[in-house]
């Protein structure tokens, strides 16, 4: 997975080949993004002898902690050719809020 940022947003690219879009879940809160899902096992050749088997099957989950505060309402994601791309808008921290001062 890759996480990179611009002044306006944080982007996450996750390589998740062999997983159907319907088997993926994406959750976000103000501090982290969770990518989870299931990779279903492919049918094996009945008379074959495996020399190497590195592909992991079953449930998976990855939690990525974000480098700065984000707006959880401004998120978009796409999934194509085994690559999940997530774009999250950063919260603007340079906003100034003027506070009125009242008399006692």
PDB file of N, CA and C in Angstrom:
ATOM      1  N   UNK A   1       0.837  -1.180   0.000  1.00  0.00           N
ATOM      2  CA  UNK A   1       0.000   0.000   0.000  1.00  0.00           C
ATOM      3  C   UNK A   1       0.881   1.242   0.000  1.00  0.00           C
ATOM      4  N   UNK A   2       0.365   2.274  -0.620  1.00  0.00           N
ATOM      5  CA  UNK A   2       1.044   3.566  -0.640  1.00  0.00           C
ATOM      6  C   UNK A   2       0.106   4.613  -0.052  1.00  0.00           C
ATOM      7  N   UNK A   3       0.664   5.504   0.770  1.00  0.00           N
ATOM      8  CA  UNK A   3      -0.072   6.662   1.262  1.00  0.00           C
ATOM      9  C   UNK A   3       0.745   7.889   0.882  1.00  0.00           C
ATOM     10  N   UNK A   4       0.107   8.840   0.211  1.00  0.00           N
ATOM     11  CA  UNK A   4       0.792  10.093  -0.092  1.00  0.00           C
ATOM     12  C   UNK A   4      -0.200  11.225   0.031  1.00  0.00           C
ATOM     13  N   UNK A   5       0.326  12.430   0.121  1.00  0.00           N
ATOM     14  CA  UNK A   5      -0.560  13.566   0.357  1.00  0.00           C
ATOM     15  C   UNK A   5      -0.136  14.786  -0.429  1.00  0.00           C
ATOM     16  N   UNK A   6      -1.116  15.629  -0.661  1.00  0.00           N
ATOM     17  CA  UNK A   6      -0.911  16.945  -1.229  1.00  0.00           C
ATOM     18  C   UNK A   6      -1.369  17.923  -0.145  1.00  0.00           C
ATOM     19  N   UNK A   7      -1.261  19.212  -0.377  1.00  0.00           N
ATOM     20  CA  UNK A   7      -1.773  20.147   0.632  1.00  0.00           C
ATOM     21  C   UNK A   7      -3.277  20.009   0.881  1.00  0.00           C
ATOM     22  N   UNK A   8      -4.028  19.471  -0.104  1.00  0.00           N
ATOM     23  CA  UNK A   8      -5.483  19.389   0.020  1.00  0.00           C
ATOM     24  C   UNK A   8      -6.029  18.018   0.403  1.00  0.00           C
ATOM     25  N   UNK A   9      -5.294  16.942   0.097  1.00  0.00           N
ATOM     26  CA  UNK A   9      -5.866  15.618   0.309  1.00  0.00           C
ATOM     27  C   UNK A   9      -4.815  14.557   0.611  1.00  0.00           C
ATOM     28  N   UNK A  10      -5.326  13.422   1.097  1.00  0.00           N
ATOM     29  CA  UNK A  10      -4.503  12.230   1.332  1.00  0.00           C
ATOM     30  C   UNK A  10      -5.000  11.167   0.373  1.00  0.00           C
ATOM     31  N   UNK A  11      -4.071  10.461  -0.254  1.00  0.00           N
ATOM     32  CA  UNK A  11      -4.428   9.404  -1.188  1.00  0.00           C
ATOM     33  C   UNK A  11      -3.821   8.088  -0.731  1.00  0.00           C
ATOM     34  N   UNK A  12      -4.601   7.036  -0.862  1.00  0.00           N
ATOM     35  CA  UNK A  12      -4.151   5.688  -0.523  1.00  0.00           C
ATOM     36  C   UNK A  12      -4.339   4.826  -1.758  1.00  0.00           C
ATOM     37  N   UNK A  13      -3.303   4.105  -2.136  1.00  0.00           N
ATOM     38  CA  UNK A  13      -3.386   3.133  -3.213  1.00  0.00           C
ATOM     39  C   UNK A  13      -3.072   1.776  -2.616  1.00  0.00           C
ATOM     40  N   UNK A  14      -3.976   0.834  -2.806  1.00  0.00           N
ATOM     41  CA  UNK A  14      -3.800  -0.510  -2.253  1.00  0.00           C
ATOM     42  C   UNK A  14      -3.899  -1.542  -3.371  1.00  0.00           C
ATOM     43  N   UNK A  15      -2.859  -2.325  -3.512  1.00  0.00           N
ATOM     44  CA  UNK A  15      -2.846  -3.388  -4.510  1.00  0.00           C
ATOM     45  C   UNK A  15      -3.504  -4.626  -3.895  1.00  0.00           C
ATOM     46  N   UNK A  16      -4.660  -4.998  -4.436  1.00  0.00           N
ATOM     47  CA  UNK A  16      -5.436  -6.108  -3.870  1.00  0.00           C
ATOM     48  C   UNK A  16      -5.884  -7.005  -5.018  1.00  0.00           C
ATOM     49  N   UNK A  17      -4.950  -7.601  -5.703  1.00  0.00           N
ATOM     50  CA  UNK A  17      -5.309  -8.407  -6.871  1.00  0.00           C
ATOM     51  C   UNK A  17      -6.045  -9.679  -6.462  1.00  0.00           C
ATOM     52  N   UNK A  18      -6.913 -10.135  -7.351  1.00  0.00           N
ATOM     53  CA  UNK A  18      -7.628 -11.378  -7.126  1.00  0.00           C
ATOM     54  C   UNK A  18      -8.810 -11.271  -6.184  1.00  0.00           C
ATOM     55  N   UNK A  19      -9.207 -10.053  -5.815  1.00  0.00           N
ATOM     56  CA  UNK A  19     -10.339  -9.850  -4.913  1.00  0.00           C
ATOM     57  C   UNK A  19     -11.423  -9.111  -5.687  1.00  0.00           C
ATOM     58  N   UNK A  20     -12.647  -9.622  -5.594  1.00  0.00           N
ATOM     59  CA  UNK A  20     -13.780  -8.969  -6.249  1.00  0.00           C
ATOM     60  C   UNK A  20     -14.178  -7.709  -5.473  1.00  0.00           C
ATOM     61  N   UNK A  21     -14.670  -6.710  -6.181  1.00  0.00           N
ATOM     62  CA  UNK A  21     -15.077  -5.448  -5.544  1.00  0.00           C
ATOM     63  C   UNK A  21     -16.115  -5.690  -4.450  1.00  0.00           C
ATOM     64  N   UNK A  22     -17.035  -6.605  -4.675  1.00  0.00           N
ATOM     65  CA  UNK A  22     -18.076  -6.896  -3.685  1.00  0.00           C
ATOM     66  C   UNK A  22     -17.533  -7.570  -2.431  1.00  0.00           C
ATOM     67  N   UNK A  23     -16.305  -8.064  -2.477  1.00  0.00           N
ATOM     68  CA  UNK A  23     -15.677  -8.704  -1.314  1.00  0.00           C
ATOM     69  C   UNK A  23     -14.788  -7.744  -0.540  1.00  0.00           C
ATOM     70  N   UNK A  24     -14.806  -6.458  -0.890  1.00  0.00           N
ATOM     71  CA  UNK A  24     -13.996  -5.435  -0.217  1.00  0.00           C
ATOM     72  C   UNK A  24     -14.874  -4.547   0.656  1.00  0.00           C
ATOM     73  N   UNK A  25     -14.325  -4.118   1.795  1.00  0.00           N
ATOM     74  CA  UNK A  25     -14.970  -3.136   2.667  1.00  0.00           C
ATOM     75  C   UNK A  25     -13.978  -2.028   2.954  1.00  0.00           C
ATOM     76  N   UNK A  26     -14.482  -0.803   3.023  1.00  0.00           N
ATOM     77  CA  UNK A  26     -13.659   0.364   3.285  1.00  0.00           C
ATOM     78  C   UNK A  26     -14.356   1.195   4.353  1.00  0.00           C
ATOM     79  N   UNK A  27     -13.666   1.460   5.468  1.00  0.00           N
ATOM     80  CA  UNK A  27     -14.219   2.262   6.556  1.00  0.00           C
ATOM     81  C   UNK A  27     -13.233   3.369   6.899  1.00  0.00           C
ATOM     82  N   UNK A  28     -13.774   4.504   7.355  1.00  0.00           N
ATOM     83  CA  UNK A  28     -12.913   5.642   7.698  1.00  0.00           C
ATOM     84  C   UNK A  28     -13.444   6.318   8.952  1.00  0.00           C
ATOM     85  N   UNK A  29     -12.516   6.790   9.769  1.00  0.00           N
ATOM     86  CA  UNK A  29     -12.865   7.702  10.853  1.00  0.00           C
ATOM     87  C   UNK A  29     -11.850   8.835  10.812  1.00  0.00           C
ATOM     88  N   UNK A  30     -11.864   9.701  11.776  1.00  0.00           N
ATOM     89  CA  UNK A  30     -11.005  10.888  11.714  1.00  0.00           C
ATOM     90  C   UNK A  30      -9.521  10.566  11.817  1.00  0.00           C
ATOM     91  N   UNK A  31      -9.169   9.370  12.263  1.00  0.00           N
ATOM     92  CA  UNK A  31      -7.758   9.031  12.457  1.00  0.00           C
ATOM     93  C   UNK A  31      -7.215   7.930  11.567  1.00  0.00           C
ATOM     94  N   UNK A  32      -8.109   7.089  10.998  1.00  0.00           N
ATOM     95  CA  UNK A  32      -7.616   5.918  10.279  1.00  0.00           C
ATOM     96  C   UNK A  32      -8.591   5.463   9.198  1.00  0.00           C
ATOM     97  N   UNK A  33      -8.040   4.658   8.294  1.00  0.00           N
ATOM     98  CA  UNK A  33      -8.819   3.999   7.248  1.00  0.00           C
ATOM     99  C   UNK A  33      -8.620   2.500   7.419  1.00  0.00           C
ATOM    100  N   UNK A  34      -9.716   1.744   7.322  1.00  0.00           N
ATOM    101  CA  UNK A  34      -9.609   0.288   7.405  1.00  0.00           C
ATOM    102  C   UNK A  34     -10.058  -0.314   6.080  1.00  0.00           C
ATOM    103  N   UNK A  35      -9.159  -1.105   5.495  1.00  0.00           N
ATOM    104  CA  UNK A  35      -9.452  -1.856   4.278  1.00  0.00           C
ATOM    105  C   UNK A  35      -9.535  -3.314   4.694  1.00  0.00           C
ATOM    106  N   UNK A  36     -10.658  -3.955   4.401  1.00  0.00           N
ATOM    107  CA  UNK A  36     -10.807  -5.362   4.763  1.00  0.00           C
ATOM    108  C   UNK A  36     -11.567  -6.074   3.662  1.00  0.00           C
ATOM    109  N   UNK A  37     -11.539  -7.392   3.718  1.00  0.00           N
ATOM    110  CA  UNK A  37     -12.257  -8.163   2.717  1.00  0.00           C
ATOM    111  C   UNK A  37     -11.915  -9.626   2.797  1.00  0.00           C
ATOM    112  N   UNK A  38     -12.195 -10.304   1.706  1.00  0.00           N
ATOM    113  CA  UNK A  38     -11.921 -11.736   1.632  1.00  0.00           C
ATOM    114  C   UNK A  38     -11.421 -12.073   0.232  1.00  0.00           C
ATOM    115  N   UNK A  39     -10.356 -12.856   0.181  1.00  0.00           N
ATOM    116  CA  UNK A  39      -9.858 -13.387  -1.087  1.00  0.00           C
ATOM    117  C   UNK A  39     -10.286 -14.845  -1.126  1.00  0.00           C
ATOM    118  N   UNK A  40     -11.151 -15.137  -2.071  1.00  0.00           N
ATOM    119  CA  UNK A  40     -11.678 -16.497  -2.189  1.00  0.00           C
ATOM    120  C   UNK A  40     -10.656 -17.399  -2.876  1.00  0.00           C
ATOM    121  N   UNK A  41     -10.569 -18.619  -2.391  1.00  0.00           N
ATOM    122  CA  UNK A  41      -9.583 -19.561  -2.917  1.00  0.00           C
ATOM    123  C   UNK A  41      -9.957 -19.996  -4.331  1.00  0.00           C
ATOM    124  N   UNK A  42      -8.967 -20.013  -5.192  1.00  0.00           N
ATOM    125  CA  UNK A  42      -9.179 -20.480  -6.564  1.00  0.00           C
ATOM    126  C   UNK A  42      -9.183 -22.005  -6.559  1.00  0.00           C
ATOM    127  N   UNK A  43      -9.869 -22.565  -7.534  1.00  0.00           N
ATOM    128  CA  UNK A  43      -9.881 -24.023  -7.605  1.00  0.00           C
ATOM    129  C   UNK A  43      -8.490 -24.522  -7.973  1.00  0.00           C
ATOM    130  N   UNK A  44      -8.104 -25.599  -7.345  1.00  0.00           N
ATOM    131  CA  UNK A  44      -6.771 -26.167  -7.578  1.00  0.00           C
ATOM    132  C   UNK A  44      -6.863 -27.313  -8.566  1.00  0.00           C
ATOM    133  N   UNK A  45      -5.764 -27.554  -9.221  1.00  0.00           N
ATOM    134  CA  UNK A  45      -5.684 -28.662 -10.166  1.00  0.00           C
ATOM    135  C   UNK A  45      -5.575 -29.947  -9.356  1.00  0.00           C
ATOM    136  N   UNK A  46      -6.482 -30.898  -9.597  1.00  0.00           N
ATOM    137  CA  UNK A  46      -6.553 -32.091  -8.747  1.00  0.00           C
ATOM    138  C   UNK A  46      -5.333 -32.999  -8.883  1.00  0.00           C
ATOM    139  N   UNK A  47      -4.757 -33.114 -10.064  1.00  0.00           N
ATOM    140  CA  UNK A  47      -3.614 -34.011 -10.224  1.00  0.00           C
ATOM    141  C   UNK A  47      -2.282 -33.262 -10.265  1.00  0.00           C
ATOM    142  N   UNK A  48      -2.264 -31.995  -9.852  1.00  0.00           N
ATOM    143  CA  UNK A  48      -1.039 -31.195  -9.898  1.00  0.00           C
ATOM    144  C   UNK A  48      -0.275 -31.251  -8.587  1.00  0.00           C
ATOM    145  N   UNK A  49       1.025 -31.075  -8.676  1.00  0.00           N
ATOM    146  CA  UNK A  49       1.888 -30.984  -7.504  1.00  0.00           C
ATOM    147  C   UNK A  49       2.357 -29.543  -7.396  1.00  0.00           C
ATOM    148  N   UNK A  50       2.014 -28.902  -6.297  1.00  0.00           N
ATOM    149  CA  UNK A  50       2.408 -27.514  -6.112  1.00  0.00           C
ATOM    150  C   UNK A  50       3.849 -27.434  -5.644  1.00  0.00           C
ATOM    151  N   UNK A  51       4.639 -26.630  -6.304  1.00  0.00           N
ATOM    152  CA  UNK A  51       6.040 -26.389  -5.944  1.00  0.00           C
ATOM    153  C   UNK A  51       6.182 -25.122  -5.114  1.00  0.00           C
ATOM    154  N   UNK A  52       5.213 -24.221  -5.252  1.00  0.00           N
ATOM    155  CA  UNK A  52       5.236 -22.964  -4.523  1.00  0.00           C
ATOM    156  C   UNK A  52       3.799 -22.486  -4.372  1.00  0.00           C
ATOM    157  N   UNK A  53       3.405 -22.093  -3.171  1.00  0.00           N
ATOM    158  CA  UNK A  53       2.055 -21.583  -2.927  1.00  0.00           C
ATOM    159  C   UNK A  53       2.156 -20.413  -1.965  1.00  0.00           C
ATOM    160  N   UNK A  54       2.248 -19.191  -2.515  1.00  0.00           N
ATOM    161  CA  UNK A  54       2.421 -17.986  -1.702  1.00  0.00           C
ATOM    162  C   UNK A  54       1.180 -17.124  -1.611  1.00  0.00           C
ATOM    163  N   UNK A  55       0.192 -17.346  -2.466  1.00  0.00           N
ATOM    164  CA  UNK A  55      -0.999 -16.518  -2.459  1.00  0.00           C
ATOM    165  C   UNK A  55      -1.820 -16.853  -1.221  1.00  0.00           C
ATOM    166  N   UNK A  56      -2.145 -15.826  -0.442  1.00  0.00           N
ATOM    167  CA  UNK A  56      -2.923 -16.036   0.780  1.00  0.00           C
ATOM    168  C   UNK A  56      -4.402 -15.855   0.485  1.00  0.00           C
ATOM    169  N   UNK A  57      -5.192 -16.750   1.046  1.00  0.00           N
ATOM    170  CA  UNK A  57      -6.638 -16.718   0.856  1.00  0.00           C
ATOM    171  C   UNK A  57      -7.312 -16.508   2.199  1.00  0.00           C
ATOM    172  N   UNK A  58      -8.561 -16.086   2.148  1.00  0.00           N
ATOM    173  CA  UNK A  58      -9.336 -15.887   3.363  1.00  0.00           C
ATOM    174  C   UNK A  58      -9.516 -14.411   3.668  1.00  0.00           C
ATOM    175  N   UNK A  59      -9.872 -14.132   4.915  1.00  0.00           N
ATOM    176  CA  UNK A  59     -10.141 -12.759   5.353  1.00  0.00           C
ATOM    177  C   UNK A  59      -8.830 -11.998   5.549  1.00  0.00           C
ATOM    178  N   UNK A  60      -8.876 -10.705   5.272  1.00  0.00           N
ATOM    179  CA  UNK A  60      -7.730  -9.836   5.527  1.00  0.00           C
ATOM    180  C   UNK A  60      -8.238  -8.497   6.027  1.00  0.00           C
ATOM    181  N   UNK A  61      -7.351  -7.773   6.708  1.00  0.00           N
ATOM    182  CA  UNK A  61      -7.697  -6.449   7.243  1.00  0.00           C
ATOM    183  C   UNK A  61      -6.418  -5.656   7.401  1.00  0.00           C
ATOM    184  N   UNK A  62      -6.487  -4.391   7.043  1.00  0.00           N
ATOM    185  CA  UNK A  62      -5.346  -3.501   7.203  1.00  0.00           C
ATOM    186  C   UNK A  62      -5.861  -2.158   7.689  1.00  0.00           C
ATOM    187  N   UNK A  63      -5.294  -1.656   8.777  1.00  0.00           N
ATOM    188  CA  UNK A  63      -5.659  -0.345   9.306  1.00  0.00           C
ATOM    189  C   UNK A  63      -4.502   0.603   9.041  1.00  0.00           C
ATOM    190  N   UNK A  64      -4.811   1.718   8.397  1.00  0.00           N
ATOM    191  CA  UNK A  64      -3.804   2.714   8.047  1.00  0.00           C
ATOM    192  C   UNK A  64      -4.095   3.986   8.822  1.00  0.00           C
ATOM    193  N   UNK A  65      -3.151   4.389   9.660  1.00  0.00           N
ATOM    194  CA  UNK A  65      -3.328   5.618  10.435  1.00  0.00           C
ATOM    195  C   UNK A  65      -2.947   6.807   9.566  1.00  0.00           C
ATOM    196  N   UNK A  66      -3.786   7.827   9.601  1.00  0.00           N
ATOM    197  CA  UNK A  66      -3.629   8.968   8.706  1.00  0.00           C
ATOM    198  C   UNK A  66      -2.663  10.001   9.277  1.00  0.00           C
ATOM    199  N   UNK A  67      -1.889  10.656   8.403  1.00  0.00           N
ATOM    200  CA  UNK A  67      -0.874  11.612   8.868  1.00  0.00           C
ATOM    201  C   UNK A  67      -1.423  12.962   9.313  1.00  0.00           C
ATOM    202  N   UNK A  68      -2.682  13.259   8.990  1.00  0.00           N
ATOM    203  CA  UNK A  68      -3.267  14.536   9.405  1.00  0.00           C
ATOM    204  C   UNK A  68      -4.786  14.379   9.472  1.00  0.00           C
ATOM    205  N   UNK A  69      -5.476  15.308  10.142  1.00  0.00           N
ATOM    206  CA  UNK A  69      -6.940  15.225  10.252  1.00  0.00           C
ATOM    207  C   UNK A  69      -7.608  15.305   8.882  1.00  0.00           C
ATOM    208  N   UNK A  70      -8.685  14.527   8.706  1.00  0.00           N
ATOM    209  CA  UNK A  70      -9.375  14.482   7.422  1.00  0.00           C
ATOM    210  C   UNK A  70     -10.860  14.764   7.595  1.00  0.00           C
ATOM    211  N   UNK A  71     -11.486  15.109   6.491  1.00  0.00           N
ATOM    212  CA  UNK A  71     -12.929  15.314   6.455  1.00  0.00           C
ATOM    213  C   UNK A  71     -13.561  14.000   6.010  1.00  0.00           C
ATOM    214  N   UNK A  72     -14.163  13.271   6.932  1.00  0.00           N
ATOM    215  CA  UNK A  72     -14.709  11.951   6.617  1.00  0.00           C
ATOM    216  C   UNK A  72     -15.931  12.019   5.707  1.00  0.00           C
ATOM    217  N   UNK A  73     -16.427  13.216   5.438  1.00  0.00           N
ATOM    218  CA  UNK A  73     -17.562  13.382   4.531  1.00  0.00           C
ATOM    219  C   UNK A  73     -17.117  13.572   3.077  1.00  0.00           C
ATOM    220  N   UNK A  74     -15.831  13.853   2.871  1.00  0.00           N
ATOM    221  CA  UNK A  74     -15.329  14.107   1.516  1.00  0.00           C
ATOM    222  C   UNK A  74     -14.305  13.028   1.166  1.00  0.00           C
ATOM    223  N   UNK A  75     -14.838  11.867   0.751  1.00  0.00           N
ATOM    224  CA  UNK A  75     -14.016  10.699   0.430  1.00  0.00           C
ATOM    225  C   UNK A  75     -14.535  10.098  -0.863  1.00  0.00           C
ATOM    226  N   UNK A  76     -13.620   9.653  -1.715  1.00  0.00           N
ATOM    227  CA  UNK A  76     -14.027   8.917  -2.910  1.00  0.00           C
ATOM    228  C   UNK A  76     -13.086   7.730  -3.077  1.00  0.00           C
ATOM    229  N   UNK A  77     -13.592   6.673  -3.723  1.00  0.00           N
ATOM    230  CA  UNK A  77     -12.753   5.502  -3.950  1.00  0.00           C
ATOM    231  C   UNK A  77     -13.125   4.846  -5.268  1.00  0.00           C
ATOM    232  N   UNK A  78     -12.128   4.221  -5.894  1.00  0.00           N
ATOM    233  CA  UNK A  78     -12.330   3.453  -7.109  1.00  0.00           C
ATOM    234  C   UNK A  78     -11.563   2.144  -6.975  1.00  0.00           C
ATOM    235  N   UNK A  79     -12.012   1.134  -7.705  1.00  0.00           N
ATOM    236  CA  UNK A  79     -11.331  -0.161  -7.698  1.00  0.00           C
ATOM    237  C   UNK A  79     -11.362  -0.721  -9.112  1.00  0.00           C
ATOM    238  N   UNK A  80     -10.191  -0.868  -9.708  1.00  0.00           N
ATOM    239  CA  UNK A  80     -10.090  -1.399 -11.064  1.00  0.00           C
ATOM    240  C   UNK A  80      -8.762  -2.124 -11.217  1.00  0.00           C
ATOM    241  N   UNK A  81      -8.808  -3.256 -11.888  1.00  0.00           N
ATOM    242  CA  UNK A  81      -7.601  -4.044 -12.172  1.00  0.00           C
ATOM    243  C   UNK A  81      -6.801  -4.361 -10.911  1.00  0.00           C
ATOM    244  N   UNK A  82      -7.489  -4.616  -9.801  1.00  0.00           N
ATOM    245  CA  UNK A  82      -6.813  -5.000  -8.567  1.00  0.00           C
ATOM    246  C   UNK A  82      -6.195  -3.856  -7.790  1.00  0.00           C
ATOM    247  N   UNK A  83      -6.487  -2.600  -8.173  1.00  0.00           N
ATOM    248  CA  UNK A  83      -5.918  -1.451  -7.482  1.00  0.00           C
ATOM    249  C   UNK A  83      -7.046  -0.605  -6.891  1.00  0.00           C
ATOM    250  N   UNK A  84      -7.055  -0.492  -5.561  1.00  0.00           N
ATOM    251  CA  UNK A  84      -8.012   0.348  -4.841  1.00  0.00           C
ATOM    252  C   UNK A  84      -7.372   1.710  -4.636  1.00  0.00           C
ATOM    253  N   UNK A  85      -8.073   2.769  -5.061  1.00  0.00           N
ATOM    254  CA  UNK A  85      -7.583   4.139  -4.877  1.00  0.00           C
ATOM    255  C   UNK A  85      -8.592   4.888  -4.019  1.00  0.00           C
ATOM    256  N   UNK A  86      -8.103   5.499  -2.941  1.00  0.00           N
ATOM    257  CA  UNK A  86      -8.950   6.246  -2.014  1.00  0.00           C
ATOM    258  C   UNK A  86      -8.412   7.664  -1.934  1.00  0.00           C
ATOM    259  N   UNK A  87      -9.301   8.645  -2.038  1.00  0.00           N
ATOM    260  CA  UNK A  87      -8.936  10.067  -1.916  1.00  0.00           C
ATOM    261  C   UNK A  87      -9.736  10.654  -0.774  1.00  0.00           C
ATOM    262  N   UNK A  88      -9.035  11.308   0.161  1.00  0.00           N
ATOM    263  CA  UNK A  88      -9.676  11.856   1.354  1.00  0.00           C
ATOM    264  C   UNK A  88      -9.258  13.311   1.498  1.00  0.00           C
ATOM    265  N   UNK A  89     -10.232  14.195   1.638  1.00  0.00           N
ATOM    266  CA  UNK A  89      -9.934  15.620   1.810  1.00  0.00           C
ATOM    267  C   UNK A  89      -9.406  15.878   3.216  1.00  0.00           C
ATOM    268  N   UNK A  90      -8.381  16.700   3.304  1.00  0.00           N
ATOM    269  CA  UNK A  90      -7.849  17.102   4.609  1.00  0.00           C
ATOM    270  C   UNK A  90      -8.732  18.191   5.209  1.00  0.00           C
ATOM    271  N   UNK A  91      -8.765  18.244   6.523  1.00  0.00           N
ATOM    272  CA  UNK A  91      -9.432  19.350   7.201  1.00  0.00           C
ATOM    273  C   UNK A  91      -8.520  20.560   7.152  1.00  0.00           C
ATOM    274  N   UNK A  92      -9.100  21.696   6.911  1.00  0.00           N
ATOM    275  CA  UNK A  92      -8.307  22.929   6.898  1.00  0.00           C
ATOM    276  C   UNK A  92      -8.078  23.371   8.328  1.00  0.00           C
ATOM    277  N   UNK A  93      -6.832  23.424   8.721  1.00  0.00           N
ATOM    278  CA  UNK A  93      -6.488  23.824  10.081  1.00  0.00           C
ATOM    279  C   UNK A  93      -6.147  25.304  10.174  1.00  0.00           C
ATOM    280  N   UNK A  94      -6.078  25.969   9.026  1.00  0.00           N
ATOM    281  CA  UNK A  94      -5.717  27.382   9.050  1.00  0.00           C
ATOM    282  C   UNK A  94      -6.931  28.302   9.133  1.00  0.00           C
ATOM    283  N   UNK A  95      -8.114  27.742   9.275  1.00  0.00           N
ATOM    284  CA  UNK A  95      -9.310  28.564   9.427  1.00  0.00           C
ATOM    285  C   UNK A  95      -9.278  29.281  10.772  1.00  0.00           C
ATOM    286  N   UNK A  96      -9.663  30.516  10.754  1.00  0.00           N
ATOM    287  CA  UNK A  96      -9.703  31.295  11.982  1.00  0.00           C
ATOM    288  C   UNK A  96     -11.166  31.523  12.344  1.00  0.00           C
ATOM    289  N   UNK A  97     -11.516  31.208  13.565  1.00  0.00           N
ATOM    290  CA  UNK A  97     -12.877  31.424  14.041  1.00  0.00           C
ATOM    291  C   UNK A  97     -12.851  32.596  15.024  1.00  0.00           C
ATOM    292  N   UNK A  98     -13.594  33.626  14.686  1.00  0.00           N
ATOM    293  CA  UNK A  98     -13.663  34.796  15.557  1.00  0.00           C
ATOM    294  C   UNK A  98     -14.695  34.503  16.650  1.00  0.00           C
ATOM    295  N   UNK A  99     -14.300  34.667  17.893  1.00  0.00           N
ATOM    296  CA  UNK A  99     -15.159  34.378  19.035  1.00  0.00           C
ATOM    297  C   UNK A  99     -15.619  35.704  19.644  1.00  0.00           C
ATOM    298  N   UNK A 100     -16.920  35.905  19.714  1.00  0.00           N
ATOM    299  CA  UNK A 100     -17.404  37.151  20.333  1.00  0.00           C
ATOM    300  C   UNK A 100     -17.174  37.115  21.843  1.00  0.00           C
ATOM    301  N   UNK A 101     -16.855  38.246  22.389  1.00  0.00           N
ATOM    302  CA  UNK A 101     -16.628  38.376  23.830  1.00  0.00           C
ATOM    303  C   UNK A 101     -17.824  39.111  24.418  1.00  0.00           C
ATOM    304  N   UNK A 102     -18.467  38.482  25.347  1.00  0.00           N
ATOM    305  CA  UNK A 102     -19.633  39.123  25.968  1.00  0.00           C
ATOM    306  C   UNK A 102     -19.245  39.736  27.324  1.00  0.00           C
ATOM    307  N   UNK A 103     -20.084  40.638  27.765  1.00  0.00           N
ATOM    308  CA  UNK A 103     -19.857  41.245  29.080  1.00  0.00           C
ATOM    309  C   UNK A 103     -20.470  40.365  30.142  1.00  0.00           C
ATOM    310  N   UNK A 104     -19.946  40.460  31.331  1.00  0.00           N
ATOM    311  CA  UNK A 104     -20.448  39.646  32.437  1.00  0.00           C
ATOM    312  C   UNK A 104     -21.698  40.187  33.026  1.00  0.00           C
TER     313      UNK A 104
END
